[in-house]
């Protein structure tokens, strides 16, 4: 039981580190999408 618990904890912490590494990429992707949507709206209203 104890060994399984330790393994689960290690797996979880590895997963968290993975997610942490990917967060900047995800945030960058979101801000680019938001910028793209915003400039698209602006272009449409200028025409």
Protein backbone atom coordinates (compact mmCIF):
# COMPACT_ATOMS: atom_id res chain seq x y z
CA UNK A 1 0.00 0.00 0.00
CA UNK A 2 2.66 2.48 1.07
CA UNK A 3 4.76 1.77 -2.03
CA UNK A 4 1.76 2.30 -4.32
CA UNK A 5 0.97 5.59 -2.60
CA UNK A 6 4.55 6.79 -3.08
CA UNK A 7 4.48 5.81 -6.76
CA UNK A 8 1.17 7.64 -7.27
CA UNK A 9 2.60 10.74 -5.62
CA UNK A 10 5.67 10.60 -7.87
CA UNK A 11 3.49 10.15 -10.96
CA UNK A 12 1.34 13.09 -9.92
CA UNK A 13 4.30 15.35 -9.32
CA UNK A 14 5.78 14.39 -12.71
CA UNK A 15 2.44 15.18 -14.32
CA UNK A 16 2.28 18.54 -12.55
CA UNK A 17 5.79 19.39 -13.77
CA UNK A 18 4.74 18.45 -17.31
CA UNK A 19 1.69 20.68 -17.10
CA UNK A 20 3.78 23.47 -15.59
CA UNK A 21 6.19 23.27 -18.52
CA UNK A 22 3.33 23.53 -20.99
CA UNK A 23 1.47 26.41 -19.34
CA UNK A 24 3.53 29.18 -21.02
CA UNK A 25 2.87 27.63 -24.45
CA UNK A 26 -0.85 27.35 -23.71
CA UNK A 27 -1.00 30.94 -22.45
CA UNK A 28 0.87 32.14 -25.55
CA UNK A 29 -1.56 30.26 -27.78
CA UNK A 30 -4.55 31.80 -26.03
CA UNK A 31 -3.21 35.35 -26.23
CA UNK A 32 -2.43 34.91 -29.94
CA UNK A 33 -5.96 33.61 -30.54
CA UNK A 34 -7.42 36.54 -28.61
CA UNK A 35 -5.28 39.02 -30.54
CA UNK A 36 -6.26 37.40 -33.83
CA UNK A 37 -9.96 37.52 -32.98
CA UNK A 38 -9.64 41.13 -31.84
CA UNK A 39 -7.79 42.37 -34.92
CA UNK A 40 -10.22 40.42 -37.12
CA UNK A 41 -13.16 42.23 -35.53
CA UNK A 42 -11.43 45.58 -35.88
CA UNK A 43 -10.67 45.01 -39.57
CA UNK A 44 -14.29 44.12 -40.24
CA UNK A 45 -15.62 47.26 -38.57
CA UNK A 46 -13.18 49.47 -40.49
CA UNK A 47 -14.49 48.33 -43.87
